C-alpha atoms as a PDB file:
ATOM      1  CA  MET A   1       0.322   0.298  -0.083  1.00  0.00           C
ATOM      2  CA  SER A   2       1.327   3.135  -1.040  1.00  0.00           C
ATOM      3  CA  LYS A   3       1.096   6.598   1.268  1.00  0.00           C
ATOM      4  CA  SER A   4       0.985   9.069   0.098  1.00  0.00           C
ATOM      5  CA  VAL A   5       0.972  12.907   1.801  1.00  0.00           C
ATOM      6  CA  LEU A   6      -0.888  15.557   0.990  1.00  0.00           C
ATOM      7  CA  ASP A   7       1.479  18.943   0.631  1.00  0.00           C
ATOM      8  CA  LEU A   8      -0.881  22.053   0.853  1.00  0.00           C
ATOM      9  CA  SER A   9       3.027  24.434   1.732  1.00  0.00           C
ATOM     10  CA  LYS A  10       2.580  25.720  -1.807  1.00  0.00           C
ATOM     11  CA  GLU A  11      -1.155  25.412  -2.549  1.00  0.00           C
ATOM     12  CA  PHE A  12      -1.739  29.371  -1.972  1.00  0.00           C
ATOM     13  CA  ALA A  13       1.783  30.016  -3.716  1.00  0.00           C
ATOM     14  CA  GLY A  14       2.055  33.306  -5.998  1.00  0.00           C
ATOM     15  CA  ARG A  15      -1.432  34.366  -4.537  1.00  0.00           C
ATOM     16  CA  ARG A  16      -2.021  37.871  -2.747  1.00  0.00           C
ATOM     17  CA  ALA A  17      -4.714  38.298  -0.396  1.00  0.00           C
ATOM     18  CA  LEU A  18      -6.748  40.341   1.847  1.00  0.00           C
ATOM     19  CA  VAL A  19      -8.259  38.902   5.268  1.00  0.00           C
ATOM     20  CA  THR A  20     -10.210  41.927   6.887  1.00  0.00           C
ATOM     21  CA  GLY A  21     -10.700  41.473  10.544  1.00  0.00           C
ATOM     22  CA  GLY A  22      -7.569  39.229  10.159  1.00  0.00           C
ATOM     23  CA  THR A  23      -6.371  40.272  13.301  1.00  0.00           C
ATOM     24  CA  ARG A  24      -8.273  37.918  15.876  1.00  0.00           C
ATOM     25  CA  GLY A  25      -9.814  35.079  16.516  1.00  0.00           C
ATOM     26  CA  ILE A  26     -10.741  32.872  12.807  1.00  0.00           C
ATOM     27  CA  GLY A  27      -9.340  36.108  10.643  1.00  0.00           C
ATOM     28  CA  VAL A  28      -5.993  35.222  12.517  1.00  0.00           C
ATOM     29  CA  ALA A  29      -6.798  31.210  11.708  1.00  0.00           C
ATOM     30  CA  ILE A  30      -7.314  32.111   7.894  1.00  0.00           C
ATOM     31  CA  ALA A  31      -4.377  34.672   7.328  1.00  0.00           C
ATOM     32  CA  GLN A  32      -1.808  32.164   8.978  1.00  0.00           C
ATOM     33  CA  ARG A  33      -3.430  29.020   6.366  1.00  0.00           C
ATOM     34  CA  LEU A  34      -2.477  31.759   3.659  1.00  0.00           C
ATOM     35  CA  LEU A  35       0.473  32.693   4.707  1.00  0.00           C
ATOM     36  CA  ASP A  36       1.189  28.503   5.613  1.00  0.00           C
ATOM     37  CA  GLY A  37       0.207  27.627   1.710  1.00  0.00           C
ATOM     38  CA  GLY A  38       2.420  30.543   0.530  1.00  0.00           C
ATOM     39  CA  ALA A  39       0.256  33.224   0.238  1.00  0.00           C
ATOM     40  CA  THR A  40       1.239  36.812   0.969  1.00  0.00           C
ATOM     41  CA  VAL A  41      -1.122  38.091   3.294  1.00  0.00           C
ATOM     42  CA  VAL A  42      -2.512  41.451   4.328  1.00  0.00           C
ATOM     43  CA  VAL A  43      -4.667  41.415   7.558  1.00  0.00           C
ATOM     44  CA  THR A  44      -6.456  44.933   8.902  1.00  0.00           C
ATOM     45  CA  ALA A  45      -8.588  45.479  11.456  1.00  0.00           C
ATOM     46  CA  ARG A  46      -9.226  48.673  13.698  1.00  0.00           C
ATOM     47  CA  SER A  47      -6.558  47.421  16.013  1.00  0.00           C
ATOM     48  CA  THR A  48      -3.309  44.972  16.231  1.00  0.00           C
ATOM     49  CA  SER A  49      -3.075  42.240  18.600  1.00  0.00           C
ATOM     50  CA  ASP A  50      -0.706  39.830  20.202  1.00  0.00           C
ATOM     51  CA  GLU A  51      -2.244  37.447  17.743  1.00  0.00           C
ATOM     52  CA  ALA A  52      -1.359  38.844  15.011  1.00  0.00           C
ATOM     53  CA  PRO A  53       0.275  36.601  11.906  1.00  0.00           C
ATOM     54  CA  LYS A  54       3.951  37.664  11.800  1.00  0.00           C
ATOM     55  CA  GLY A  55       4.448  36.915   8.253  1.00  0.00           C
ATOM     56  CA  ALA A  56       1.215  39.659   7.589  1.00  0.00           C
ATOM     57  CA  LYS A  57       1.268  42.698   6.703  1.00  0.00           C
ATOM     58  CA  PHE A  58      -1.076  44.855   8.936  1.00  0.00           C
ATOM     59  CA  ILE A  59      -2.854  47.836   7.518  1.00  0.00           C
ATOM     60  CA  LYS A  60      -5.379  49.922  10.021  1.00  0.00           C
ATOM     61  CA  GLY A  61      -8.101  50.330   8.878  1.00  0.00           C
ATOM     62  CA  ASP A  62     -12.010  51.190   9.404  1.00  0.00           C
ATOM     63  CA  VAL A  63     -14.227  48.472   6.904  1.00  0.00           C
ATOM     64  CA  SER A  64     -17.430  49.563   8.079  1.00  0.00           C
ATOM     65  CA  THR A  65     -17.110  53.384   6.711  1.00  0.00           C
ATOM     66  CA  ASN A  66     -16.722  53.765   2.322  1.00  0.00           C
ATOM     67  CA  GLU A  67     -14.081  55.908   3.005  1.00  0.00           C
ATOM     68  CA  GLY A  68     -12.053  53.352   4.789  1.00  0.00           C
ATOM     69  CA  ALA A  69     -12.954  50.128   2.394  1.00  0.00           C
ATOM     70  CA  LYS A  70     -11.772  52.083  -0.429  1.00  0.00           C
ATOM     71  CA  ALA A  71      -8.745  53.402   1.806  1.00  0.00           C
ATOM     72  CA  ILE A  72      -7.658  49.831   2.906  1.00  0.00           C
ATOM     73  CA  ALA A  73      -8.133  48.583  -0.768  1.00  0.00           C
ATOM     74  CA  ALA A  74      -5.395  51.630  -1.948  1.00  0.00           C
ATOM     75  CA  ALA A  75      -3.253  50.435   0.815  1.00  0.00           C
ATOM     76  CA  THR A  76      -3.644  46.761   0.023  1.00  0.00           C
ATOM     77  CA  LEU A  77      -3.247  47.039  -3.817  1.00  0.00           C
ATOM     78  CA  GLN A  78       0.269  49.037  -3.048  1.00  0.00           C
ATOM     79  CA  VAL A  79       0.993  46.730  -0.818  1.00  0.00           C
ATOM     80  CA  LEU A  80       0.654  43.434  -2.773  1.00  0.00           C
ATOM     81  CA  GLY A  81       0.336  44.864  -6.265  1.00  0.00           C
ATOM     82  CA  GLY A  82      -2.825  43.154  -7.146  1.00  0.00           C
ATOM     83  CA  ILE A  83      -5.487  41.218  -5.424  1.00  0.00           C
ATOM     84  CA  ASP A  84      -6.524  37.246  -6.032  1.00  0.00           C
ATOM     85  CA  ILE A  85      -8.025  36.317  -2.879  1.00  0.00           C
ATOM     86  CA  ILE A  86     -10.569  39.116  -0.697  1.00  0.00           C
ATOM     87  CA  ILE A  87     -11.586  36.860   2.666  1.00  0.00           C
ATOM     88  CA  ASN A  88     -14.340  39.141   3.933  1.00  0.00           C
ATOM     89  CA  ASN A  89     -14.087  38.506   8.017  1.00  0.00           C
ATOM     90  CA  ALA A  90     -14.532  41.588   9.746  1.00  0.00           C
ATOM     91  CA  GLY A  91     -17.414  41.865  12.085  1.00  0.00           C
ATOM     92  CA  ALA A  92     -18.124  42.288  15.979  1.00  0.00           C
ATOM     93  CA  ALA A  93     -21.156  41.697  18.367  1.00  0.00           C
ATOM     94  CA  ARG A  94     -22.529  43.297  20.847  1.00  0.00           C
ATOM     95  CA  VAL A  95     -25.168  42.315  23.949  1.00  0.00           C
ATOM     96  CA  HIS A  96     -28.323  44.046  24.575  1.00  0.00           C
ATOM     97  CA  LEU A  97     -29.550  42.009  27.399  1.00  0.00           C
ATOM     98  CA  GLN A  98     -32.842  44.272  27.896  1.00  0.00           C
ATOM     99  CA  GLY A  99     -33.355  42.460  24.336  1.00  0.00           C
ATOM    100  CA  THR A 100     -34.114  43.377  20.834  1.00  0.00           C
ATOM    101  CA  ALA A 101     -36.909  46.389  21.849  1.00  0.00           C
ATOM    102  CA  SER A 102     -33.886  48.078  23.332  1.00  0.00           C
ATOM    103  CA  ILE A 103     -31.639  48.306  20.778  1.00  0.00           C
ATOM    104  CA  PRO A 104     -31.479  51.385  19.504  1.00  0.00           C
ATOM    105  CA  ASP A 105     -31.236  52.227  15.830  1.00  0.00           C
ATOM    106  CA  ALA A 106     -27.877  53.290  15.499  1.00  0.00           C
ATOM    107  CA  GLU A 107     -26.741  50.325  16.874  1.00  0.00           C
ATOM    108  CA  TRP A 108     -28.895  48.245  14.392  1.00  0.00           C
ATOM    109  CA  GLN A 109     -27.101  50.719  11.256  1.00  0.00           C
ATOM    110  CA  ASP A 110     -23.527  50.117  12.540  1.00  0.00           C
ATOM    111  CA  ALA A 111     -24.370  46.205  13.036  1.00  0.00           C
ATOM    112  CA  LEU A 112     -25.494  46.604   9.197  1.00  0.00           C
ATOM    113  CA  ASP A 113     -22.286  49.101   8.114  1.00  0.00           C
ATOM    114  CA  MET A 114     -19.925  46.149  10.094  1.00  0.00           C
ATOM    115  CA  THR A 115     -21.574  43.118   8.427  1.00  0.00           C
ATOM    116  CA  ILE A 116     -22.799  43.544   5.651  1.00  0.00           C
ATOM    117  CA  LEU A 117     -22.072  46.498   4.019  1.00  0.00           C
ATOM    118  CA  SER A 118     -18.226  46.154   4.948  1.00  0.00           C
ATOM    119  CA  ALA A 119     -18.039  43.369   3.006  1.00  0.00           C
ATOM    120  CA  VAL A 120     -19.738  45.455  -0.119  1.00  0.00           C
ATOM    121  CA  ARG A 121     -17.453  47.943  -0.105  1.00  0.00           C
ATOM    122  CA  VAL A 122     -14.691  46.204   0.117  1.00  0.00           C
ATOM    123  CA  THR A 123     -15.246  43.957  -2.643  1.00  0.00           C
ATOM    124  CA  ASN A 124     -16.434  46.779  -4.550  1.00  0.00           C
ATOM    125  CA  ALA A 125     -13.374  48.463  -4.025  1.00  0.00           C
ATOM    126  CA  LEU A 126     -11.119  45.592  -5.268  1.00  0.00           C
ATOM    127  CA  LEU A 127     -13.195  43.948  -7.918  1.00  0.00           C
ATOM    128  CA  PRO A 128     -11.612  45.576 -10.808  1.00  0.00           C
ATOM    129  CA  ALA A 129      -8.244  44.446  -9.620  1.00  0.00           C
ATOM    130  CA  LEU A 130      -9.166  41.077  -8.690  1.00  0.00           C
ATOM    131  CA  LYS A 131     -10.823  40.883 -12.282  1.00  0.00           C
ATOM    132  CA  GLU A 132      -6.701  40.792 -13.159  1.00  0.00           C
ATOM    133  CA  SER A 133      -6.113  37.889 -11.005  1.00  0.00           C
ATOM    134  CA  LYS A 134      -6.006  34.498 -13.176  1.00  0.00           C
ATOM    135  CA  ALA A 135      -7.717  32.919 -10.114  1.00  0.00           C
ATOM    136  CA  GLY A 136      -9.570  35.477  -7.826  1.00  0.00           C
ATOM    137  CA  ALA A 137     -11.864  34.657  -5.107  1.00  0.00           C
ATOM    138  CA  ILE A 138     -14.155  36.048  -2.742  1.00  0.00           C
ATOM    139  CA  VAL A 139     -14.865  34.304   0.695  1.00  0.00           C
ATOM    140  CA  ASN A 140     -17.808  35.982   2.468  1.00  0.00           C
ATOM    141  CA  LEU A 141     -17.581  34.596   6.786  1.00  0.00           C
ATOM    142  CA  SER A 142     -21.123  35.109   8.656  1.00  0.00           C
ATOM    143  CA  SER A 143     -20.363  32.720  11.524  1.00  0.00           C
ATOM    144  CA  GLY A 144     -22.244  34.954  13.862  1.00  0.00           C
ATOM    145  CA  GLY A 145     -25.792  34.300  11.782  1.00  0.00           C
ATOM    146  CA  ALA A 146     -26.308  31.213  13.990  1.00  0.00           C
ATOM    147  CA  THR A 147     -26.645  32.601  17.329  1.00  0.00           C
ATOM    148  CA  SER A 148     -30.581  33.427  17.916  1.00  0.00           C
ATOM    149  CA  TRP A 149     -29.774  34.393  21.540  1.00  0.00           C
ATOM    150  CA  PRO A 150     -31.938  37.467  21.328  1.00  0.00           C
ATOM    151  CA  ALA A 151     -29.008  40.196  23.099  1.00  0.00           C
ATOM    152  CA  HIS A 152     -27.029  39.492  19.688  1.00  0.00           C
ATOM    153  CA  TRP A 153     -29.709  39.661  17.493  1.00  0.00           C
ATOM    154  CA  ALA A 154     -28.684  43.327  15.937  1.00  0.00           C
ATOM    155  CA  THR A 155     -25.026  42.422  15.859  1.00  0.00           C
ATOM    156  CA  THR A 156     -25.611  38.712  14.055  1.00  0.00           C
ATOM    157  CA  ALA A 157     -28.765  39.059  11.943  1.00  0.00           C
ATOM    158  CA  PRO A 158     -27.623  40.704   9.260  1.00  0.00           C
ATOM    159  CA  ARG A 159     -24.307  38.537   9.072  1.00  0.00           C
ATOM    160  CA  ARG A 160     -26.991  35.961   7.130  1.00  0.00           C
ATOM    161  CA  PRO A 161     -27.366  37.775   3.959  1.00  0.00           C
ATOM    162  CA  ARG A 162     -23.722  38.860   3.431  1.00  0.00           C
ATOM    163  CA  SER A 163     -23.073  36.281   1.199  1.00  0.00           C
ATOM    164  CA  MET A 164     -26.191  36.501  -0.933  1.00  0.00           C
ATOM    165  CA  CYS A 165     -25.144  40.147  -1.040  1.00  0.00           C
ATOM    166  CA  ILE A 166     -22.233  40.143  -2.671  1.00  0.00           C
ATOM    167  CA  ARG A 167     -23.100  37.173  -4.482  1.00  0.00           C
ATOM    168  CA  ARG A 168     -25.516  39.272  -6.327  1.00  0.00           C
ATOM    169  CA  ARG A 169     -23.529  41.786  -6.781  1.00  0.00           C
ATOM    170  CA  SER A 170     -20.720  39.513  -8.245  1.00  0.00           C
ATOM    171  CA  LEU A 171     -22.756  37.596 -10.708  1.00  0.00           C
ATOM    172  CA  GLU A 172     -21.256  39.389 -13.447  1.00  0.00           C
ATOM    173  CA  ASN A 173     -17.610  38.239 -12.630  1.00  0.00           C
ATOM    174  CA  SER A 174     -18.898  34.491 -11.786  1.00  0.00           C
ATOM    175  CA  ARG A 175     -15.180  33.195 -13.196  1.00  0.00           C
ATOM    176  CA  LEU A 176     -13.344  34.769 -10.226  1.00  0.00           C
ATOM    177  CA  CYS A 177     -15.906  34.198  -7.009  1.00  0.00           C
ATOM    178  CA  LYS A 178     -16.039  31.805  -4.409  1.00  0.00           C
ATOM    179  CA  PHE A 179     -18.418  31.536  -1.556  1.00  0.00           C
ATOM    180  CA  ALA A 180     -18.481  30.144   1.544  1.00  0.00           C
ATOM    181  CA  SER A 181     -20.534  31.054   3.884  1.00  0.00           C
ATOM    182  CA  ILE A 182     -20.256  29.484   7.805  1.00  0.00           C
ATOM    183  CA  PRO A 183     -23.554  29.614   9.723  1.00  0.00           C
END
């Protein structure tokens, strides 16, 4: 019997990737996996952390605003010289123990800006460059969407449609895009 080992150390060789929310949690793991596979990686967040992968270039920014997303996209392209992989992972969760009736409109808007519009804005800002890639991919994560604890509704409810919004926007570019949504 032949024993073969799958070598994934070059799986992403030559690829250039952006991971939003890449300084903590699952974003760190994704960025590290891309680095381990040979990609050149930029991570972005509002602040860095000790968890951030050492091999990735950190760009401080806020994807929840159009201006922030455009600035991150421009800085990413300057660092990487192009883009092959966009990982839309940024998100935030706040607890409202009094339930959904206690959640102010500003909180709902912030949740939409951070969880849905951030992915749309980053993708739109990078799409012209991504079209130049021979192996472009967009991965949208929405891990908090499965939480049905009412105290988290304002910040987790908008995550489920994230992938649908980007999928709809990217249909004209289906050659480039791959999608993932983690419930």
